[in-house]
Every structure is written in C-alpha cells, then in structure tokens.
Amino acid sequence: MKTANRVKAINLSELPEKVGKSMTIHGQQIALFRLSNGKVKAIENRCPHKGGVLAEGIVCDEKVFCPLHDWQIDLNDGVVQAPDVGCVKTYKVEVEDDEVYLIL
C-alpha cells in the first residue's frame, strides 16, 4: 500500500486571493488557489476539454473557469459543471501557520 506524501507547496502569504498559481510537484502539474473565503484548493492544472492551464482561469466562489473555453470546474471535487462533462484530479490541502502543504 502506497503512503501519501505531505509536501510543502508554498507560503500562504505568497498565494494571492482569487489568482491561480501553477506549480510542479513530484512531476504533477498542479493549480493552487486561495479563495476569498480563506480556503486553499488544489487541482490538476489541465482542463479535460482542450488542456487549458487552469491556474490562468478566473476564480469565482469555489469554481475556476478554464481560460480557453470558459468551462466551469468545481474546486472541491474537480467536477466540470453542466452542460459540459468531465473532471480533474483534486488534492487535499493542509495549512499550518503560513505554510501550505499538499497531500499527494
């Protein structure tokens, strides 16, 4: 059984609200978001439609809009919103003091 890795991604103070941050951690392309409600979310950084870079999308509430074709993706479960279909991988995030960790 594989054990999850807890990896420091960034300092919370370096992550602006409602602006995505692209990062590569252990070879995985990840989009990290700090929402206006204070939550931090992490998802696969590639839209399932045409491969748009989700970190470059517009964040509204707990969704990100793909910058290529405006698909809405829920940052909680990675599900593309209807009428479009698909999903992206989500990552568990832990915040301790000023440090943001991803569970891979």
PDB file of N, CA and C in Angstrom:
ATOM      1  N   MET A   1       0.844  -1.184   0.000  1.00  0.00           N
ATOM      2  CA  MET A   1       0.000   0.000   0.000  1.00  0.00           C
ATOM      3  C   MET A   1       0.885   1.241   0.000  1.00  0.00           C
ATOM      4  N   LYS A   2       0.590   2.183  -0.908  1.00  0.00           N
ATOM      5  CA  LYS A   2       1.376   3.403  -1.019  1.00  0.00           C
ATOM      6  C   LYS A   2       0.914   4.420   0.019  1.00  0.00           C
ATOM      7  N   THR A   3       1.869   5.065   0.689  1.00  0.00           N
ATOM      8  CA  THR A   3       1.569   6.079   1.683  1.00  0.00           C
ATOM      9  C   THR A   3       1.562   7.446   1.015  1.00  0.00           C
ATOM     10  N   ALA A   4       0.610   8.293   1.390  1.00  0.00           N
ATOM     11  CA  ALA A   4       0.519   9.644   0.833  1.00  0.00           C
ATOM     12  C   ALA A   4       1.712  10.478   1.272  1.00  0.00           C
ATOM     13  N   ASN A   5       2.151  11.351   0.382  1.00  0.00           N
ATOM     14  CA  ASN A   5       3.245  12.268   0.685  1.00  0.00           C
ATOM     15  C   ASN A   5       2.680  13.624   1.055  1.00  0.00           C
ATOM     16  N   ARG A   6       3.183  14.203   2.117  1.00  0.00           N
ATOM     17  CA  ARG A   6       2.819  15.570   2.520  1.00  0.00           C
ATOM     18  C   ARG A   6       3.976  16.459   2.092  1.00  0.00           C
ATOM     19  N   VAL A   7       3.682  17.374   1.173  1.00  0.00           N
ATOM     20  CA  VAL A   7       4.724  18.184   0.565  1.00  0.00           C
ATOM     21  C   VAL A   7       4.406  19.661   0.748  1.00  0.00           C
ATOM     22  N   LYS A   8       5.381  20.427   1.238  1.00  0.00           N
ATOM     23  CA  LYS A   8       5.182  21.870   1.336  1.00  0.00           C
ATOM     24  C   LYS A   8       5.135  22.440  -0.076  1.00  0.00           C
ATOM     25  N   ALA A   9       4.080  23.213  -0.369  1.00  0.00           N
ATOM     26  CA  ALA A   9       3.908  23.786  -1.697  1.00  0.00           C
ATOM     27  C   ALA A   9       4.349  25.239  -1.748  1.00  0.00           C
ATOM     28  N   ILE A  10       3.945  26.036  -0.761  1.00  0.00           N
ATOM     29  CA  ILE A  10       4.159  27.483  -0.811  1.00  0.00           C
ATOM     30  C   ILE A  10       3.828  28.063   0.557  1.00  0.00           C
ATOM     31  N   ASN A  11       4.276  29.280   0.794  1.00  0.00           N
ATOM     32  CA  ASN A  11       3.831  30.004   1.981  1.00  0.00           C
ATOM     33  C   ASN A  11       2.498  30.655   1.650  1.00  0.00           C
ATOM     34  N   LEU A  12       1.560  30.610   2.572  1.00  0.00           N
ATOM     35  CA  LEU A  12       0.243  31.182   2.346  1.00  0.00           C
ATOM     36  C   LEU A  12       0.338  32.656   1.973  1.00  0.00           C
ATOM     37  N   SER A  13       1.254  33.368   2.575  1.00  0.00           N
ATOM     38  CA  SER A  13       1.415  34.799   2.299  1.00  0.00           C
ATOM     39  C   SER A  13       1.864  35.072   0.863  1.00  0.00           C
ATOM     40  N   GLU A  14       2.378  34.069   0.171  1.00  0.00           N
ATOM     41  CA  GLU A  14       2.818  34.211  -1.223  1.00  0.00           C
ATOM     42  C   GLU A  14       1.725  33.837  -2.218  1.00  0.00           C
ATOM     43  N   LEU A  15       0.552  33.451  -1.724  1.00  0.00           N
ATOM     44  CA  LEU A  15      -0.542  32.998  -2.575  1.00  0.00           C
ATOM     45  C   LEU A  15      -1.662  34.037  -2.532  1.00  0.00           C
ATOM     46  N   PRO A  16      -1.766  34.876  -3.573  1.00  0.00           N
ATOM     47  CA  PRO A  16      -2.796  35.914  -3.560  1.00  0.00           C
ATOM     48  C   PRO A  16      -4.195  35.326  -3.693  1.00  0.00           C
ATOM     49  N   GLU A  17      -5.180  36.043  -3.176  1.00  0.00           N
ATOM     50  CA  GLU A  17      -6.564  35.591  -3.275  1.00  0.00           C
ATOM     51  C   GLU A  17      -7.059  35.628  -4.715  1.00  0.00           C
ATOM     52  N   LYS A  18      -7.813  34.585  -5.078  1.00  0.00           N
ATOM     53  CA  LYS A  18      -8.524  34.503  -6.359  1.00  0.00           C
ATOM     54  C   LYS A  18      -7.628  34.565  -7.595  1.00  0.00           C
ATOM     55  N   VAL A  19      -6.345  34.235  -7.416  1.00  0.00           N
ATOM     56  CA  VAL A  19      -5.412  34.154  -8.536  1.00  0.00           C
ATOM     57  C   VAL A  19      -4.734  32.794  -8.455  1.00  0.00           C
ATOM     58  N   GLY A  20      -4.778  32.045  -9.542  1.00  0.00           N
ATOM     59  CA  GLY A  20      -4.176  30.719  -9.534  1.00  0.00           C
ATOM     60  C   GLY A  20      -2.664  30.758  -9.560  1.00  0.00           C
ATOM     61  N   LYS A  21      -2.073  29.723  -9.023  1.00  0.00           N
ATOM     62  CA  LYS A  21      -0.615  29.575  -9.008  1.00  0.00           C
ATOM     63  C   LYS A  21      -0.289  28.200  -9.585  1.00  0.00           C
ATOM     64  N   SER A  22       0.506  28.175 -10.657  1.00  0.00           N
ATOM     65  CA  SER A  22       0.947  26.913 -11.261  1.00  0.00           C
ATOM     66  C   SER A  22       2.181  26.410 -10.548  1.00  0.00           C
ATOM     67  N   MET A  23       2.223  25.108 -10.309  1.00  0.00           N
ATOM     68  CA  MET A  23       3.428  24.507  -9.746  1.00  0.00           C
ATOM     69  C   MET A  23       3.545  23.056 -10.183  1.00  0.00           C
ATOM     70  N   THR A  24       4.766  22.588 -10.192  1.00  0.00           N
ATOM     71  CA  THR A  24       5.031  21.187 -10.483  1.00  0.00           C
ATOM     72  C   THR A  24       5.595  20.565  -9.218  1.00  0.00           C
ATOM     73  N   ILE A  25       4.903  19.550  -8.726  1.00  0.00           N
ATOM     74  CA  ILE A  25       5.352  18.858  -7.517  1.00  0.00           C
ATOM     75  C   ILE A  25       5.387  17.374  -7.820  1.00  0.00           C
ATOM     76  N   HIS A  26       6.555  16.789  -7.656  1.00  0.00           N
ATOM     77  CA  HIS A  26       6.755  15.367  -7.958  1.00  0.00           C
ATOM     78  C   HIS A  26       6.245  15.014  -9.354  1.00  0.00           C
ATOM     79  N   GLY A  27       6.524  15.898 -10.315  1.00  0.00           N
ATOM     80  CA  GLY A  27       6.161  15.650 -11.700  1.00  0.00           C
ATOM     81  C   GLY A  27       4.709  15.898 -12.038  1.00  0.00           C
ATOM     82  N   GLN A  28       3.912  16.346 -11.072  1.00  0.00           N
ATOM     83  CA  GLN A  28       2.488  16.593 -11.290  1.00  0.00           C
ATOM     84  C   GLN A  28       2.250  18.096 -11.451  1.00  0.00           C
ATOM     85  N   GLN A  29       1.521  18.471 -12.508  1.00  0.00           N
ATOM     86  CA  GLN A  29       1.159  19.869 -12.745  1.00  0.00           C
ATOM     87  C   GLN A  29      -0.063  20.194 -11.901  1.00  0.00           C
ATOM     88  N   ILE A  30       0.085  21.153 -10.983  1.00  0.00           N
ATOM     89  CA  ILE A  30      -0.959  21.472 -10.023  1.00  0.00           C
ATOM     90  C   ILE A  30      -1.292  22.954 -10.081  1.00  0.00           C
ATOM     91  N   ALA A  31      -2.586  23.259  -9.985  1.00  0.00           N
ATOM     92  CA  ALA A  31      -3.063  24.638  -9.868  1.00  0.00           C
ATOM     93  C   ALA A  31      -3.514  24.838  -8.424  1.00  0.00           C
ATOM     94  N   LEU A  32      -2.992  25.869  -7.788  1.00  0.00           N
ATOM     95  CA  LEU A  32      -3.288  26.151  -6.390  1.00  0.00           C
ATOM     96  C   LEU A  32      -4.044  27.470  -6.319  1.00  0.00           C
ATOM     97  N   PHE A  33      -5.096  27.512  -5.504  1.00  0.00           N
ATOM     98  CA  PHE A  33      -5.944  28.697  -5.406  1.00  0.00           C
ATOM     99  C   PHE A  33      -6.211  29.042  -3.944  1.00  0.00           C
ATOM    100  N   ARG A  34      -6.140  30.323  -3.628  1.00  0.00           N
ATOM    101  CA  ARG A  34      -6.569  30.830  -2.315  1.00  0.00           C
ATOM    102  C   ARG A  34      -7.866  31.585  -2.560  1.00  0.00           C
ATOM    103  N   LEU A  35      -8.951  31.070  -2.006  1.00  0.00           N
ATOM    104  CA  LEU A  35     -10.268  31.630  -2.252  1.00  0.00           C
ATOM    105  C   LEU A  35     -10.544  32.818  -1.329  1.00  0.00           C
ATOM    106  N   SER A  36     -11.528  33.617  -1.689  1.00  0.00           N
ATOM    107  CA  SER A  36     -11.853  34.802  -0.894  1.00  0.00           C
ATOM    108  C   SER A  36     -12.374  34.430   0.494  1.00  0.00           C
ATOM    109  N   ASN A  37     -12.858  33.187   0.666  1.00  0.00           N
ATOM    110  CA  ASN A  37     -13.320  32.731   1.984  1.00  0.00           C
ATOM    111  C   ASN A  37     -12.180  32.184   2.845  1.00  0.00           C
ATOM    112  N   GLY A  38     -10.947  32.261   2.325  1.00  0.00           N
ATOM    113  CA  GLY A  38      -9.779  31.824   3.085  1.00  0.00           C
ATOM    114  C   GLY A  38      -9.341  30.397   2.818  1.00  0.00           C
ATOM    115  N   LYS A  39     -10.183  29.600   2.170  1.00  0.00           N
ATOM    116  CA  LYS A  39      -9.818  28.219   1.868  1.00  0.00           C
ATOM    117  C   LYS A  39      -8.754  28.184   0.775  1.00  0.00           C
ATOM    118  N   VAL A  40      -7.944  27.135   0.808  1.00  0.00           N
ATOM    119  CA  VAL A  40      -6.948  26.902  -0.238  1.00  0.00           C
ATOM    120  C   VAL A  40      -7.309  25.585  -0.918  1.00  0.00           C
ATOM    121  N   LYS A  41      -7.350  25.606  -2.245  1.00  0.00           N
ATOM    122  CA  LYS A  41      -7.727  24.432  -3.029  1.00  0.00           C
ATOM    123  C   LYS A  41      -6.631  24.116  -4.037  1.00  0.00           C
ATOM    124  N   ALA A  42      -6.495  22.837  -4.359  1.00  0.00           N
ATOM    125  CA  ALA A  42      -5.506  22.394  -5.345  1.00  0.00           C
ATOM    126  C   ALA A  42      -6.150  21.378  -6.271  1.00  0.00           C
ATOM    127  N   ILE A  43      -5.928  21.574  -7.574  1.00  0.00           N
ATOM    128  CA  ILE A  43      -6.455  20.662  -8.579  1.00  0.00           C
ATOM    129  C   ILE A  43      -5.408  20.436  -9.659  1.00  0.00           C
ATOM    130  N   GLU A  44      -5.645  19.416 -10.450  1.00  0.00           N
ATOM    131  CA  GLU A  44      -4.834  19.164 -11.638  1.00  0.00           C
ATOM    132  C   GLU A  44      -4.890  20.417 -12.515  1.00  0.00           C
ATOM    133  N   ASN A  45      -3.766  20.827 -13.054  1.00  0.00           N
ATOM    134  CA  ASN A  45      -3.666  22.097 -13.776  1.00  0.00           C
ATOM    135  C   ASN A  45      -3.908  21.937 -15.280  1.00  0.00           C
ATOM    136  N   ARG A  46      -4.902  21.140 -15.643  1.00  0.00           N
ATOM    137  CA  ARG A  46      -5.183  20.897 -17.055  1.00  0.00           C
ATOM    138  C   ARG A  46      -6.656  20.621 -17.239  1.00  0.00           C
ATOM    139  N   CYS A  47      -7.322  21.474 -18.021  1.00  0.00           N
ATOM    140  CA  CYS A  47      -8.741  21.285 -18.292  1.00  0.00           C
ATOM    141  C   CYS A  47      -8.936  20.005 -19.105  1.00  0.00           C
ATOM    142  N   PRO A  48      -9.944  19.201 -18.779  1.00  0.00           N
ATOM    143  CA  PRO A  48     -10.162  17.950 -19.515  1.00  0.00           C
ATOM    144  C   PRO A  48     -10.682  18.172 -20.937  1.00  0.00           C
ATOM    145  N   HIS A  49     -11.088  19.377 -21.261  1.00  0.00           N
ATOM    146  CA  HIS A  49     -11.639  19.668 -22.588  1.00  0.00           C
ATOM    147  C   HIS A  49     -10.535  19.811 -23.628  1.00  0.00           C
ATOM    148  N   LYS A  50      -9.721  20.859 -23.517  1.00  0.00           N
ATOM    149  CA  LYS A  50      -8.664  21.122 -24.505  1.00  0.00           C
ATOM    150  C   LYS A  50      -7.303  21.380 -23.855  1.00  0.00           C
ATOM    151  N   GLY A  51      -7.176  21.018 -22.586  1.00  0.00           N
ATOM    152  CA  GLY A  51      -5.881  21.135 -21.918  1.00  0.00           C
ATOM    153  C   GLY A  51      -5.524  22.523 -21.442  1.00  0.00           C
ATOM    154  N   GLY A  52      -6.498  23.403 -21.292  1.00  0.00           N
ATOM    155  CA  GLY A  52      -6.217  24.756 -20.809  1.00  0.00           C
ATOM    156  C   GLY A  52      -5.566  24.751 -19.437  1.00  0.00           C
ATOM    157  N   VAL A  53      -4.699  25.721 -19.205  1.00  0.00           N
ATOM    158  CA  VAL A  53      -3.991  25.852 -17.928  1.00  0.00           C
ATOM    159  C   VAL A  53      -4.955  26.485 -16.927  1.00  0.00           C
ATOM    160  N   LEU A  54      -5.450  25.695 -16.000  1.00  0.00           N
ATOM    161  CA  LEU A  54      -6.491  26.156 -15.091  1.00  0.00           C
ATOM    162  C   LEU A  54      -6.016  27.240 -14.126  1.00  0.00           C
ATOM    163  N   ALA A  55      -4.742  27.265 -13.801  1.00  0.00           N
ATOM    164  CA  ALA A  55      -4.218  28.314 -12.917  1.00  0.00           C
ATOM    165  C   ALA A  55      -4.364  29.698 -13.541  1.00  0.00           C
ATOM    166  N   GLU A  56      -4.558  29.756 -14.861  1.00  0.00           N
ATOM    167  CA  GLU A  56      -4.738  31.031 -15.559  1.00  0.00           C
ATOM    168  C   GLU A  56      -6.203  31.420 -15.675  1.00  0.00           C
ATOM    169  N   GLY A  57      -7.100  30.588 -15.130  1.00  0.00           N
ATOM    170  CA  GLY A  57      -8.530  30.842 -15.223  1.00  0.00           C
ATOM    171  C   GLY A  57      -9.016  31.848 -14.199  1.00  0.00           C
ATOM    172  N   ILE A  58     -10.270  32.253 -14.357  1.00  0.00           N
ATOM    173  CA  ILE A  58     -10.910  33.188 -13.440  1.00  0.00           C
ATOM    174  C   ILE A  58     -11.572  32.397 -12.317  1.00  0.00           C
ATOM    175  N   VAL A  59     -11.329  32.823 -11.082  1.00  0.00           N
ATOM    176  CA  VAL A  59     -11.890  32.165  -9.911  1.00  0.00           C
ATOM    177  C   VAL A  59     -13.125  32.937  -9.455  1.00  0.00           C
ATOM    178  N   CYS A  60     -14.211  32.210  -9.239  1.00  0.00           N
ATOM    179  CA  CYS A  60     -15.451  32.799  -8.729  1.00  0.00           C
ATOM    180  C   CYS A  60     -16.025  31.821  -7.705  1.00  0.00           C
ATOM    181  N   ASP A  61     -16.197  32.292  -6.481  1.00  0.00           N
ATOM    182  CA  ASP A  61     -16.644  31.440  -5.380  1.00  0.00           C
ATOM    183  C   ASP A  61     -15.695  30.247  -5.261  1.00  0.00           C
ATOM    184  N   GLU A  62     -16.196  29.023  -5.422  1.00  0.00           N
ATOM    185  CA  GLU A  62     -15.334  27.841  -5.307  1.00  0.00           C
ATOM    186  C   GLU A  62     -15.232  27.121  -6.644  1.00  0.00           C
ATOM    187  N   LYS A  63     -15.203  27.914  -7.716  1.00  0.00           N
ATOM    188  CA  LYS A  63     -15.068  27.372  -9.073  1.00  0.00           C
ATOM    189  C   LYS A  63     -13.997  28.148  -9.819  1.00  0.00           C
ATOM    190  N   VAL A  64     -13.402  27.479 -10.814  1.00  0.00           N
ATOM    191  CA  VAL A  64     -12.472  28.158 -11.711  1.00  0.00           C
ATOM    192  C   VAL A  64     -13.012  27.983 -13.130  1.00  0.00           C
ATOM    193  N   PHE A  65     -12.887  29.025 -13.923  1.00  0.00           N
ATOM    194  CA  PHE A  65     -13.321  28.997 -15.313  1.00  0.00           C
ATOM    195  C   PHE A  65     -12.093  28.804 -16.192  1.00  0.00           C
ATOM    196  N   CYS A  66     -12.091  27.766 -17.016  1.00  0.00           N
ATOM    197  CA  CYS A  66     -10.968  27.500 -17.908  1.00  0.00           C
ATOM    198  C   CYS A  66     -10.753  28.715 -18.814  1.00  0.00           C
ATOM    199  N   PRO A  67      -9.501  29.145 -18.983  1.00  0.00           N
ATOM    200  CA  PRO A  67      -9.233  30.327 -19.804  1.00  0.00           C
ATOM    201  C   PRO A  67      -9.448  30.107 -21.305  1.00  0.00           C
ATOM    202  N   LEU A  68      -9.544  28.867 -21.761  1.00  0.00           N
ATOM    203  CA  LEU A  68      -9.714  28.622 -23.191  1.00  0.00           C
ATOM    204  C   LEU A  68     -11.166  28.677 -23.649  1.00  0.00           C
ATOM    205  N   HIS A  69     -12.041  27.948 -22.964  1.00  0.00           N
ATOM    206  CA  HIS A  69     -13.421  27.859 -23.430  1.00  0.00           C
ATOM    207  C   HIS A  69     -14.439  28.047 -22.316  1.00  0.00           C
ATOM    208  N   ASP A  70     -14.000  28.611 -21.193  1.00  0.00           N
ATOM    209  CA  ASP A  70     -14.891  29.011 -20.118  1.00  0.00           C
ATOM    210  C   ASP A  70     -15.605  27.860 -19.409  1.00  0.00           C
ATOM    211  N   TRP A  71     -15.083  26.648 -19.488  1.00  0.00           N
ATOM    212  CA  TRP A  71     -15.676  25.552 -18.725  1.00  0.00           C
ATOM    213  C   TRP A  71     -15.521  25.855 -17.241  1.00  0.00           C
ATOM    214  N   GLN A  72     -16.549  25.573 -16.454  1.00  0.00           N
ATOM    215  CA  GLN A  72     -16.528  25.765 -15.002  1.00  0.00           C
ATOM    216  C   GLN A  72     -16.133  24.476 -14.315  1.00  0.00           C
ATOM    217  N   ILE A  73     -15.161  24.559 -13.442  1.00  0.00           N
ATOM    218  CA  ILE A  73     -14.709  23.374 -12.704  1.00  0.00           C
ATOM    219  C   ILE A  73     -14.797  23.659 -11.213  1.00  0.00           C
ATOM    220  N   ASP A  74     -15.480  22.776 -10.500  1.00  0.00           N
ATOM    221  CA  ASP A  74     -15.636  22.910  -9.052  1.00  0.00           C
ATOM    222  C   ASP A  74     -14.307  22.592  -8.378  1.00  0.00           C
ATOM    223  N   LEU A  75     -13.830  23.509  -7.551  1.00  0.00           N
ATOM    224  CA  LEU A  75     -12.538  23.323  -6.889  1.00  0.00           C
ATOM    225  C   LEU A  75     -12.607  22.332  -5.729  1.00  0.00           C
ATOM    226  N   ASN A  76     -13.804  21.948  -5.305  1.00  0.00           N
ATOM    227  CA  ASN A  76     -13.940  20.991  -4.204  1.00  0.00           C
ATOM    228  C   ASN A  76     -13.820  19.552  -4.669  1.00  0.00           C
ATOM    229  N   ASP A  77     -14.460  19.233  -5.794  1.00  0.00           N
ATOM    230  CA  ASP A  77     -14.460  17.842  -6.243  1.00  0.00           C
ATOM    231  C   ASP A  77     -13.890  17.645  -7.650  1.00  0.00           C
ATOM    232  N   GLY A  78     -13.529  18.742  -8.330  1.00  0.00           N
ATOM    233  CA  GLY A  78     -12.927  18.645  -9.656  1.00  0.00           C
ATOM    234  C   GLY A  78     -13.908  18.384 -10.782  1.00  0.00           C
ATOM    235  N   VAL A  79     -15.199  18.386 -10.493  1.00  0.00           N
ATOM    236  CA  VAL A  79     -16.203  18.060 -11.498  1.00  0.00           C
ATOM    237  C   VAL A  79     -16.507  19.280 -12.370  1.00  0.00           C
ATOM    238  N   VAL A  80     -16.513  19.061 -13.676  1.00  0.00           N
ATOM    239  CA  VAL A  80     -16.902  20.089 -14.633  1.00  0.00           C
ATOM    240  C   VAL A  80     -18.409  20.279 -14.518  1.00  0.00           C
ATOM    241  N   GLN A  81     -18.841  21.522 -14.533  1.00  0.00           N
ATOM    242  CA  GLN A  81     -20.254  21.838 -14.357  1.00  0.00           C
ATOM    243  C   GLN A  81     -21.034  21.694 -15.660  1.00  0.00           C
ATOM    244  N   ALA A  82     -22.276  21.224 -15.538  1.00  0.00           N
ATOM    245  CA  ALA A  82     -23.170  21.020 -16.687  1.00  0.00           C
ATOM    246  C   ALA A  82     -23.399  22.353 -17.399  1.00  0.00           C
ATOM    247  N   PRO A  83     -23.561  22.337 -18.704  1.00  0.00           N
ATOM    248  CA  PRO A  83     -23.847  21.177 -19.543  1.00  0.00           C
ATOM    249  C   PRO A  83     -22.589  20.427 -19.978  1.00  0.00           C
ATOM    250  N   ASP A  84     -21.404  20.940 -19.636  1.00  0.00           N
ATOM    251  CA  ASP A  84     -20.169  20.258 -20.009  1.00  0.00           C
ATOM    252  C   ASP A  84     -19.930  19.084 -19.065  1.00  0.00           C
ATOM    253  N   VAL A  85     -19.076  18.151 -19.466  1.00  0.00           N
ATOM    254  CA  VAL A  85     -18.814  16.973 -18.634  1.00  0.00           C
ATOM    255  C   VAL A  85     -17.318  16.707 -18.553  1.00  0.00           C
ATOM    256  N   GLY A  86     -16.911  16.100 -17.451  1.00  0.00           N
ATOM    257  CA  GLY A  86     -15.515  15.738 -17.234  1.00  0.00           C
ATOM    258  C   GLY A  86     -15.137  16.038 -15.792  1.00  0.00           C
ATOM    259  N   CYS A  87     -13.885  15.789 -15.482  1.00  0.00           N
ATOM    260  CA  CYS A  87     -13.386  16.107 -14.145  1.00  0.00           C
ATOM    261  C   CYS A  87     -11.872  16.178 -14.161  1.00  0.00           C
ATOM    262  N   VAL A  88     -11.332  16.806 -13.131  1.00  0.00           N
ATOM    263  CA  VAL A  88      -9.895  16.861 -12.920  1.00  0.00           C
ATOM    264  C   VAL A  88      -9.614  16.319 -11.524  1.00  0.00           C
ATOM    265  N   LYS A  89      -8.392  15.912 -11.319  1.00  0.00           N
ATOM    266  CA  LYS A  89      -7.978  15.401 -10.013  1.00  0.00           C
ATOM    267  C   LYS A  89      -7.895  16.557  -9.017  1.00  0.00           C
ATOM    268  N   THR A  90      -8.326  16.291  -7.792  1.00  0.00           N
ATOM    269  CA  THR A  90      -8.187  17.266  -6.715  1.00  0.00           C
ATOM    270  C   THR A  90      -7.146  16.749  -5.724  1.00  0.00           C
ATOM    271  N   TYR A  91      -6.577  17.661  -4.967  1.00  0.00           N
ATOM    272  CA  TYR A  91      -5.565  17.309  -3.969  1.00  0.00           C
ATOM    273  C   TYR A  91      -5.986  17.876  -2.625  1.00  0.00           C
ATOM    274  N   LYS A  92      -5.781  17.107  -1.577  1.00  0.00           N
ATOM    275  CA  LYS A  92      -6.057  17.580  -0.230  1.00  0.00           C
ATOM    276  C   LYS A  92      -4.994  18.618   0.132  1.00  0.00           C
ATOM    277  N   VAL A  93      -5.442  19.685   0.792  1.00  0.00           N
ATOM    278  CA  VAL A  93      -4.558  20.772   1.188  1.00  0.00           C
ATOM    279  C   VAL A  93      -4.636  20.937   2.706  1.00  0.00           C
ATOM    280  N   GLU A  94      -3.486  21.145   3.324  1.00  0.00           N
ATOM    281  CA  GLU A  94      -3.434  21.467   4.753  1.00  0.00           C
ATOM    282  C   GLU A  94      -2.651  22.760   4.909  1.00  0.00           C
ATOM    283  N   VAL A  95      -3.175  23.664   5.757  1.00  0.00           N
ATOM    284  CA  VAL A  95      -2.499  24.932   6.030  1.00  0.00           C
ATOM    285  C   VAL A  95      -2.135  24.951   7.501  1.00  0.00           C
ATOM    286  N   GLU A  96      -0.851  25.161   7.771  1.00  0.00           N
ATOM    287  CA  GLU A  96      -0.365  25.285   9.142  1.00  0.00           C
ATOM    288  C   GLU A  96       0.445  26.561   9.226  1.00  0.00           C
ATOM    289  N   ASP A  97       0.040  27.439  10.129  1.00  0.00           N
ATOM    290  CA  ASP A  97       0.659  28.751  10.254  1.00  0.00           C
ATOM    291  C   ASP A  97       0.648  29.412   8.875  1.00  0.00           C
ATOM    292  N   ASP A  98       1.794  29.682   8.309  1.00  0.00           N
ATOM    293  CA  ASP A  98       1.861  30.342   6.990  1.00  0.00           C
ATOM    294  C   ASP A  98       2.263  29.345   5.896  1.00  0.00           C
ATOM    295  N   GLU A  99       2.211  28.062   6.188  1.00  0.00           N
ATOM    296  CA  GLU A  99       2.675  27.084   5.216  1.00  0.00           C
ATOM    297  C   GLU A  99       1.520  26.250   4.645  1.00  0.00           C
ATOM    298  N   VAL A 100       1.557  26.082   3.314  1.00  0.00           N
ATOM    299  CA  VAL A 100       0.543  25.304   2.603  1.00  0.00           C
ATOM    300  C   VAL A 100       1.173  23.977   2.185  1.00  0.00           C
ATOM    301  N   TYR A 101       0.521  22.881   2.560  1.00  0.00           N
ATOM    302  CA  TYR A 101       1.002  21.535   2.229  1.00  0.00           C
ATOM    303  C   TYR A 101      -0.015  20.834   1.339  1.00  0.00           C
ATOM    304  N   LEU A 102       0.486  20.065   0.399  1.00  0.00           N
ATOM    305  CA  LEU A 102      -0.362  19.210  -0.429  1.00  0.00           C
ATOM    306  C   LEU A 102      -0.155  17.771  -0.002  1.00  0.00           C
ATOM    307  N   ILE A 103      -1.238  17.004  -0.034  1.00  0.00           N
ATOM    308  CA  ILE A 103      -1.168  15.577   0.245  1.00  0.00           C
ATOM    309  C   ILE A 103      -1.262  14.885  -1.101  1.00  0.00           C
ATOM    310  N   LEU A 104      -0.171  14.259  -1.528  1.00  0.00           N
ATOM    311  CA  LEU A 104      -0.115  13.607  -2.844  1.00  0.00           C
ATOM    312  C   LEU A 104      -0.224  12.104  -2.696  1.00  0.00           C
TER     313      LEU A 104
END
